[in-house]
């Protein structure tokens, strides 16, 4: 450790997950870049313990937090490092990045917090009551004590301004990036190699009220001919709320489920997700509330048409490269599906897909990282002292 380096404390709470999807993947992309900065002294904090960089590297390489198991017993307390920084006279230039929750009070000279969405505040019915209470109990204080707030979409930024009265100069919009490995879908296409594959729609997302699989099931119940045209695959873990099978039965779709016209896979890893996206006739994304909408970007990159909810941040991702519907309106979803069918028949869908691929390439985690680093160090890289 050299005195010329700038101390940066990074909360890595999301990286404890066994499998990285969503937010853990975002935090991993940021940490991948941070650990290559030779002008920073990095301190990775997990629940008040400092995680060794070598351990974090293993997590990033595996895209899994399994190496962090038992961190409470294996790593030194944060207080030890705070005292060390104080003894070295570095507290007044220590910067912190909180990638999820943060203390309600300010601890470091300059602090930034990533805000993914405010669905817990604006759509609490989409989350378990206990989670809402835990997340929102001191959220106003967390927002107030942050020098800069990194919002992953303009939609989230507008919500933060409106709900908490935050001035725009404290907000940086850090759109998420595109990290799809196109080699995976290319391998899948080689494996299929012209073999006949029954067409299917893919509904990607955990089974919970916010992800809104119930809307698609209601639509299928009213349009049984869709299930004659193609299968419908629901891929995502059973999270909370009603069980998927119960939702299907409620809509009279037991037979479709038992005969495989409707398929529920449960959780899928990145490899299987890429395979499903590659083979799908379209991605159906009925989410009610998103901070960004990464599955949409993944589908667009691969060349799979998207039927997307028009809610919250999703139009920022899809632009004019997809087929929109109201997440509360079955008839709206039906119109989007019919528009896609018509474009398939006419060949117009190819132009939509090509445009979507081009748009997807404009999203970059290098850009995300540049916004975050610039917000944490608004005067640029500090000069050595």
Protein backbone atom coordinates (compact mmCIF):
# COMPACT_ATOMS: atom_id res chain seq x y z
CA UNK A 1 0.00 0.00 0.00
CA UNK A 2 1.41 3.40 -0.97
CA UNK A 3 0.47 6.78 0.44
CA UNK A 4 -0.05 8.20 -3.06
CA UNK A 5 -3.02 5.95 -3.73
CA UNK A 6 -6.58 7.07 -3.06
CA UNK A 7 -8.58 4.86 -0.67
CA UNK A 8 -11.88 3.58 -2.07
CA UNK A 9 -14.27 1.56 0.09
CA UNK A 10 -16.63 -0.65 -1.94
CA UNK A 11 -19.67 -2.38 -0.48
CA UNK A 12 -19.97 -5.78 -2.21
CA UNK A 13 -23.10 -7.09 -0.47
CA UNK A 14 -24.77 -8.32 -3.69
CA UNK A 15 -21.76 -10.52 -4.48
CA UNK A 16 -22.61 -12.94 -1.67
CA UNK A 17 -25.17 -14.64 -3.94
CA UNK A 18 -24.34 -18.18 -5.01
CA UNK A 19 -25.20 -17.43 -8.65
CA UNK A 20 -24.76 -14.01 -10.21
CA UNK A 21 -27.74 -12.64 -12.08
CA UNK A 22 -29.21 -9.15 -12.19
CA UNK A 23 -27.70 -6.85 -9.55
CA UNK A 24 -24.81 -9.20 -8.60
CA UNK A 25 -23.78 -9.27 -12.27
CA UNK A 26 -23.82 -5.46 -12.39
CA UNK A 27 -21.66 -5.19 -9.26
CA UNK A 28 -19.29 -7.83 -10.64
CA UNK A 29 -18.81 -5.81 -13.84
CA UNK A 30 -17.92 -2.72 -11.80
CA UNK A 31 -15.51 -4.63 -9.54
CA UNK A 32 -13.87 -6.28 -12.56
CA UNK A 33 -12.79 -2.81 -13.65
CA UNK A 34 -11.99 -1.37 -10.22
CA UNK A 35 -9.42 -4.03 -9.35
CA UNK A 36 -7.40 -3.04 -12.42
CA UNK A 37 -6.97 0.58 -11.25
CA UNK A 38 -3.42 1.00 -9.95
CA UNK A 39 -4.10 4.41 -8.36
CA UNK A 40 -6.71 3.14 -5.91
CA UNK A 41 -6.32 1.43 -2.56
CA UNK A 42 -9.39 -0.80 -2.55
CA UNK A 43 -11.21 -2.01 0.56
CA UNK A 44 -14.05 -4.43 -0.16
CA UNK A 45 -16.68 -4.45 2.58
CA UNK A 46 -19.14 -7.28 3.19
CA UNK A 47 -21.34 -6.84 6.26
CA UNK A 48 -18.63 -5.00 8.19
CA UNK A 49 -15.81 -7.37 7.19
CA UNK A 50 -13.00 -6.49 4.79
CA UNK A 51 -12.75 -9.07 2.01
CA UNK A 52 -9.30 -9.81 0.62
CA UNK A 53 -8.90 -8.88 -3.04
CA UNK A 54 -7.66 -12.38 -3.88
CA UNK A 55 -10.94 -13.84 -2.58
CA UNK A 56 -12.96 -11.29 -4.53
CA UNK A 57 -11.05 -12.18 -7.70
CA UNK A 58 -12.13 -15.81 -7.26
CA UNK A 59 -15.74 -14.72 -6.95
CA UNK A 60 -15.52 -12.56 -10.05
CA UNK A 61 -13.90 -15.33 -12.08
CA UNK A 62 -16.54 -17.88 -11.04
CA UNK A 63 -19.42 -15.38 -11.08
CA UNK A 64 -20.39 -16.89 -7.74
CA UNK A 65 -20.14 -15.80 -4.13
CA UNK A 66 -19.38 -19.28 -2.83
CA UNK A 67 -15.85 -18.19 -1.83
CA UNK A 68 -17.42 -15.70 0.58
CA UNK A 69 -19.13 -18.34 2.68
CA UNK A 70 -18.20 -17.88 6.32
CA UNK A 71 -16.76 -14.41 5.72
CA UNK A 72 -17.84 -13.30 9.18
CA UNK A 73 -15.34 -15.67 10.79
CA UNK A 74 -12.51 -15.43 8.26
CA UNK A 75 -11.97 -11.72 7.60
CA UNK A 76 -10.99 -8.70 9.66
CA UNK A 77 -13.57 -6.21 10.94
CA UNK A 78 -14.09 -2.96 9.07
CA UNK A 79 -13.24 -0.99 12.21
CA UNK A 80 -9.62 -2.19 11.99
CA UNK A 81 -9.19 -0.68 8.55
CA UNK A 82 -11.03 2.52 9.41
CA UNK A 83 -8.62 3.01 12.34
CA UNK A 84 -5.67 2.29 10.03
CA UNK A 85 -6.85 4.91 7.53
CA UNK A 86 -7.36 7.40 10.35
CA UNK A 87 -3.85 6.72 11.73
CA UNK A 88 -2.43 7.31 8.24
CA UNK A 89 -4.34 10.58 7.87
CA UNK A 90 -6.37 9.30 4.93
CA UNK A 91 -9.94 9.58 6.19
CA UNK A 92 -10.41 13.02 4.67
CA UNK A 93 -9.77 11.63 1.18
CA UNK A 94 -11.40 8.21 1.42
CA UNK A 95 -14.24 7.67 -1.04
CA UNK A 96 -16.97 5.02 -0.76
CA UNK A 97 -19.25 3.27 -3.25
CA UNK A 98 -22.34 1.52 -1.92
CA UNK A 99 -23.71 -1.00 -4.39
CA UNK A 100 -26.86 -1.74 -2.43
CA UNK A 101 -27.78 -0.75 1.13
CA UNK A 102 -25.67 1.75 3.03
CA UNK A 103 -25.55 3.17 6.55
CA UNK A 104 -28.02 5.97 7.18
CA UNK A 105 -25.18 8.21 8.35
CA UNK A 106 -22.18 9.36 6.35
CA UNK A 107 -18.87 7.65 7.19
CA UNK A 108 -16.41 8.74 4.49
CA UNK A 109 -15.29 11.95 2.80
CA UNK A 110 -17.30 11.35 -0.37
CA UNK A 111 -19.91 8.67 -0.86
CA UNK A 112 -21.90 7.35 -3.80
CA UNK A 113 -24.83 4.94 -3.83
CA UNK A 114 -26.26 2.94 -6.72
CA UNK A 115 -30.06 3.11 -6.93
CA UNK A 116 -31.55 0.35 -9.08
CA UNK A 117 -35.24 1.20 -8.74
CA UNK A 118 -37.83 2.46 -6.28
CA UNK A 119 -40.35 -0.33 -6.78
CA UNK A 120 -40.34 -0.99 -3.02
CA UNK A 121 -41.63 2.56 -2.57
CA UNK A 122 -43.82 3.04 -5.63
CA UNK A 123 -45.16 -0.50 -6.06
CA UNK A 124 -44.89 -2.14 -2.61
CA UNK A 125 -47.59 -4.66 -3.54
CA UNK A 126 -45.02 -6.27 -5.85
CA UNK A 127 -42.79 -7.28 -2.91
CA UNK A 128 -43.09 -9.20 0.37
CA UNK A 129 -44.14 -6.90 3.20
CA UNK A 130 -41.06 -7.71 5.27
CA UNK A 131 -38.73 -6.84 2.40
CA UNK A 132 -40.50 -3.52 1.84
CA UNK A 133 -40.15 -2.57 5.50
CA UNK A 134 -36.48 -3.54 5.59
CA UNK A 135 -35.62 -1.68 2.38
CA UNK A 136 -37.55 1.52 3.03
CA UNK A 137 -37.07 1.97 6.78
CA UNK A 138 -34.16 4.40 6.45
CA UNK A 139 -34.03 4.87 2.67
CA UNK A 140 -34.65 8.62 2.91
CA UNK A 141 -31.64 8.93 5.21
CA UNK A 142 -29.51 6.79 2.88
CA UNK A 143 -30.43 9.03 -0.04
CA UNK A 144 -29.82 12.22 1.93
CA UNK A 145 -26.37 11.14 3.19
CA UNK A 146 -25.06 10.21 -0.27
CA UNK A 147 -23.05 12.83 -2.15
CA UNK A 148 -23.91 11.28 -5.52
CA UNK A 149 -26.61 8.82 -6.58
CA UNK A 150 -26.04 6.54 -9.55
CA UNK A 151 -29.37 5.61 -11.16
CA UNK A 152 -29.37 2.79 -13.69
CA UNK A 153 -32.03 4.43 -15.88
CA UNK A 154 -33.57 7.83 -16.46
CA UNK A 155 -36.81 6.37 -15.16
CA UNK A 156 -35.18 5.62 -11.79
CA UNK A 157 -33.54 9.05 -11.77
CA UNK A 158 -36.92 10.73 -12.26
CA UNK A 159 -38.38 8.66 -9.44
CA UNK A 160 -35.55 9.63 -7.07
CA UNK A 161 -35.99 13.32 -7.91
CA UNK A 162 -39.75 13.13 -7.41
CA UNK A 163 -39.99 10.93 -4.30
CA UNK A 164 -37.04 12.32 -2.34
CA UNK A 165 -36.72 15.83 -3.80
CA UNK A 166 -33.13 15.22 -4.88
CA UNK A 167 -31.66 17.91 -7.09
CA UNK A 168 -30.52 16.72 -10.52
CA UNK A 169 -26.91 17.73 -9.89
CA UNK A 170 -26.62 14.95 -7.28
CA UNK A 171 -27.79 12.29 -9.73
CA UNK A 172 -25.80 10.51 -12.43
CA UNK A 173 -27.58 8.21 -14.88
CA UNK A 174 -25.40 5.13 -15.34
CA UNK A 175 -27.22 2.98 -17.87
CA UNK A 176 -26.29 -0.66 -17.58
CA UNK A 177 -24.14 -2.45 -20.13
CA UNK A 178 -24.33 -5.30 -22.55
CA UNK A 179 -22.14 -8.24 -21.54
CA UNK A 180 -23.75 -10.93 -23.66
CA UNK A 181 -21.19 -13.46 -24.90
CA UNK A 182 -22.32 -13.93 -28.48
CA UNK A 183 -20.21 -17.09 -28.75
CA UNK A 184 -22.84 -18.92 -26.66
CA UNK A 185 -25.80 -18.28 -28.97
CA UNK A 186 -23.54 -18.91 -31.97
CA UNK A 187 -22.65 -22.35 -30.58
CA UNK A 188 -26.34 -23.03 -30.01
CA UNK A 189 -27.14 -22.16 -33.64
CA UNK A 190 -24.36 -24.51 -34.78
CA UNK A 191 -25.83 -27.29 -32.62
CA UNK A 192 -29.31 -26.79 -34.06
CA UNK A 193 -27.78 -26.69 -37.56
CA UNK A 194 -31.00 -26.49 -39.51
CA UNK A 195 -32.84 -29.14 -37.50
CA UNK A 196 -36.56 -28.50 -37.13
CA UNK A 197 -37.32 -26.93 -33.76
CA UNK A 198 -40.87 -26.34 -32.59
CA UNK A 199 -41.36 -22.59 -32.13
CA UNK A 200 -41.76 -21.29 -28.61
CA UNK A 201 -42.24 -18.02 -26.77
CA UNK A 202 -39.90 -17.42 -23.82
CA UNK A 203 -41.13 -15.66 -20.68
CA UNK A 204 -37.99 -14.89 -18.67
CA UNK A 205 -38.09 -13.81 -15.03
CA UNK A 206 -38.65 -15.08 -11.52
CA UNK A 207 -42.16 -16.08 -10.49
CA UNK A 208 -43.32 -13.18 -8.35
CA UNK A 209 -45.97 -10.47 -8.71
CA UNK A 210 -43.60 -7.82 -10.12
CA UNK A 211 -42.48 -10.03 -13.01
CA UNK A 212 -46.14 -10.53 -13.92
CA UNK A 213 -46.17 -14.04 -15.41
CA UNK A 214 -49.85 -14.11 -14.43
CA UNK A 215 -50.68 -11.72 -17.29
CA UNK A 216 -49.23 -14.13 -19.87
CA UNK A 217 -51.11 -17.07 -18.36
CA UNK A 218 -54.36 -15.10 -18.45
CA UNK A 219 -53.68 -14.25 -22.10
CA UNK A 220 -53.02 -17.91 -22.96
CA UNK A 221 -56.23 -18.95 -21.22
CA UNK A 222 -58.18 -16.62 -23.48
CA UNK A 223 -56.22 -17.45 -26.63
CA UNK A 224 -55.79 -21.26 -26.68
CA UNK A 225 -54.87 -21.09 -30.36
CA UNK A 226 -51.53 -19.54 -29.36
CA UNK A 227 -50.61 -22.80 -27.64
CA UNK A 228 -51.41 -24.67 -30.86
CA UNK A 229 -49.03 -22.39 -32.76
CA UNK A 230 -46.16 -22.70 -30.31
CA UNK A 231 -45.11 -23.74 -26.85
CA UNK A 232 -44.65 -21.14 -24.14
CA UNK A 233 -41.61 -21.57 -21.86
CA UNK A 234 -41.47 -19.82 -18.48
CA UNK A 235 -37.89 -19.68 -17.18
CA UNK A 236 -37.04 -18.30 -13.75
CA UNK A 237 -36.89 -19.33 -10.14
CA UNK A 238 -39.98 -19.61 -7.99
CA UNK A 239 -39.52 -16.49 -5.84
CA UNK A 240 -42.50 -15.47 -3.73
CA UNK A 241 -46.24 -15.23 -4.08
CA UNK A 242 -48.36 -17.91 -5.72
CA UNK A 243 -46.70 -21.04 -7.05
CA UNK A 244 -46.46 -21.20 -10.84
CA UNK A 245 -48.48 -24.39 -11.04
CA UNK A 246 -51.24 -22.80 -8.95
CA UNK A 247 -51.28 -19.76 -11.27
CA UNK A 248 -51.62 -22.06 -14.28
CA UNK A 249 -54.42 -24.07 -12.67
CA UNK A 250 -56.27 -20.91 -11.76
CA UNK A 251 -56.39 -20.05 -15.44
CA UNK A 252 -57.56 -23.52 -16.46
CA UNK A 253 -54.21 -24.41 -18.02
CA UNK A 254 -53.52 -27.68 -16.20
CA UNK A 255 -53.70 -29.70 -19.40
CA UNK A 256 -51.39 -27.34 -21.27
CA UNK A 257 -48.89 -27.67 -18.42
CA UNK A 258 -49.15 -31.47 -18.14
CA UNK A 259 -48.82 -31.97 -21.92
CA UNK A 260 -45.84 -29.65 -22.28
CA UNK A 261 -47.54 -26.89 -24.26
CA UNK A 262 -46.59 -24.72 -21.28
CA UNK A 263 -43.16 -25.46 -19.78
CA UNK A 264 -41.85 -24.16 -16.46
CA UNK A 265 -38.10 -24.68 -16.14
CA UNK A 266 -37.41 -23.03 -12.79
CA UNK A 267 -34.03 -21.30 -12.39
CA UNK A 268 -31.75 -21.39 -15.43
CA UNK A 269 -28.04 -20.52 -15.48
CA UNK A 270 -26.48 -18.13 -18.02
CA UNK A 271 -25.61 -20.93 -20.45
CA UNK A 272 -29.14 -22.32 -20.56
CA UNK A 273 -30.63 -18.83 -20.62
CA UNK A 274 -28.55 -17.99 -23.70
CA UNK A 275 -29.71 -21.23 -25.33
CA UNK A 276 -33.37 -20.48 -24.60
CA UNK A 277 -33.08 -16.91 -25.87
CA UNK A 278 -31.35 -18.09 -29.04
CA UNK A 279 -34.05 -20.58 -29.95
CA UNK A 280 -37.08 -18.50 -28.95
CA UNK A 281 -39.48 -17.06 -31.49
CA UNK A 282 -39.70 -14.05 -29.17
CA UNK A 283 -39.04 -12.95 -25.61
CA UNK A 284 -42.17 -11.90 -23.73
CA UNK A 285 -41.28 -9.55 -20.88
CA UNK A 286 -44.41 -8.53 -18.95
CA UNK A 287 -42.72 -6.95 -15.91
CA UNK A 288 -44.67 -4.27 -14.08
CA UNK A 289 -41.66 -2.38 -12.71
CA UNK A 290 -37.97 -2.48 -13.68
CA UNK A 291 -34.96 -0.37 -12.89
CA UNK A 292 -33.52 -1.30 -16.28
CA UNK A 293 -34.49 -4.61 -17.91
CA UNK A 294 -31.36 -6.62 -18.71
CA UNK A 295 -33.16 -9.63 -20.29
CA UNK A 296 -34.48 -7.30 -22.99
CA UNK A 297 -30.95 -6.20 -23.82
CA UNK A 298 -29.78 -9.82 -23.88
CA UNK A 299 -32.53 -10.82 -26.32
CA UNK A 300 -31.86 -7.83 -28.56
CA UNK A 301 -28.14 -8.68 -28.68
CA UNK A 302 -28.85 -12.27 -29.70
CA UNK A 303 -31.37 -11.28 -32.36
CA UNK A 304 -34.56 -12.44 -30.67
CA UNK A 305 -37.61 -10.18 -31.10
CA UNK A 306 -39.00 -8.72 -27.88
CA UNK A 307 -42.56 -8.22 -26.71
CA UNK A 308 -42.03 -5.75 -23.87
CA UNK A 309 -44.07 -4.08 -21.22
CA UNK A 310 -44.19 -0.35 -21.83
CA UNK A 311 -43.74 0.35 -18.11
CA UNK A 312 -41.00 2.28 -16.25
CA UNK A 313 -37.47 1.91 -17.72
CA UNK A 314 -38.10 -0.67 -20.41
CA UNK A 315 -38.63 1.74 -23.33
CA UNK A 316 -35.17 3.17 -22.54
CA UNK A 317 -33.72 -0.23 -23.38
CA UNK A 318 -35.91 -1.29 -26.30
CA UNK A 319 -36.40 2.08 -27.99
CA UNK A 320 -38.29 1.58 -31.26
CA UNK A 321 -36.90 -1.93 -31.72
CA UNK A 322 -39.67 -4.06 -30.23
CA UNK A 323 -43.38 -4.65 -29.71
CA UNK A 324 -44.93 -2.96 -26.66
CA UNK A 325 -47.92 -3.80 -24.51
CA UNK A 326 -49.58 -2.58 -21.31
CA UNK A 327 -48.60 -4.94 -18.45
CA UNK A 328 -52.12 -4.71 -17.02
CA UNK A 329 -54.01 -5.33 -20.27
CA UNK A 330 -54.36 -8.78 -21.87
CA UNK A 331 -55.80 -7.26 -25.06
CA UNK A 332 -52.73 -5.05 -25.38
CA UNK A 333 -50.44 -8.10 -25.18
CA UNK A 334 -52.56 -9.81 -27.82
CA UNK A 335 -52.18 -6.84 -30.17
CA UNK A 336 -48.39 -6.86 -29.70
CA UNK A 337 -48.28 -10.59 -30.47
CA UNK A 338 -50.40 -10.14 -33.60
CA UNK A 339 -48.15 -7.28 -34.75
CA UNK A 340 -45.13 -9.56 -34.41
CA UNK A 341 -46.91 -12.34 -36.35
CA UNK A 342 -47.78 -9.90 -39.14
CA UNK A 343 -44.17 -8.71 -39.33
CA UNK A 344 -42.95 -12.30 -39.50
CA UNK A 345 -45.27 -13.01 -42.42
CA UNK A 346 -44.18 -9.87 -44.28
CA UNK A 347 -40.49 -10.20 -43.40
CA UNK A 348 -40.49 -6.82 -41.67
CA UNK A 349 -39.34 -8.42 -38.42
CA UNK A 350 -35.82 -8.83 -39.84
CA UNK A 351 -35.36 -5.06 -39.98
CA UNK A 352 -36.64 -4.77 -36.39
CA UNK A 353 -34.20 -7.44 -35.21
CA UNK A 354 -31.25 -5.89 -37.05
CA UNK A 355 -32.02 -2.49 -35.57
CA UNK A 356 -32.32 -4.05 -32.11
CA UNK A 357 -28.89 -5.69 -32.46
CA UNK A 358 -27.35 -2.35 -33.37
CA UNK A 359 -29.06 -0.62 -30.46
CA UNK A 360 -27.91 -3.29 -28.00
CA UNK A 361 -24.28 -2.63 -28.92
CA UNK A 362 -24.59 0.98 -27.75
CA UNK A 363 -24.97 -0.21 -24.13
CA UNK A 364 -21.59 -0.78 -22.51
CA UNK A 365 -20.36 -1.50 -18.99
CA UNK A 366 -17.31 0.57 -19.82
CA UNK A 367 -19.71 3.52 -20.12
CA UNK A 368 -21.45 2.51 -16.88
CA UNK A 369 -18.11 2.36 -15.10
CA UNK A 370 -16.95 5.71 -16.52
CA UNK A 371 -20.07 7.42 -15.16
CA UNK A 372 -19.57 5.88 -11.71
CA UNK A 373 -15.86 6.65 -11.53
CA UNK A 374 -16.50 10.21 -12.74
CA UNK A 375 -19.19 10.70 -10.11
CA UNK A 376 -16.99 9.42 -7.30
CA UNK A 377 -14.05 11.56 -8.43
CA UNK A 378 -15.63 14.62 -10.05
CA UNK A 379 -12.28 16.45 -10.25
CA UNK A 380 -10.70 13.54 -12.08
CA UNK A 381 -8.04 11.12 -10.92
CA UNK A 382 -6.40 12.65 -7.83
CA UNK A 383 -2.77 13.64 -8.19
CA UNK A 384 -0.23 11.68 -6.14
CA UNK A 385 0.70 13.30 -2.82
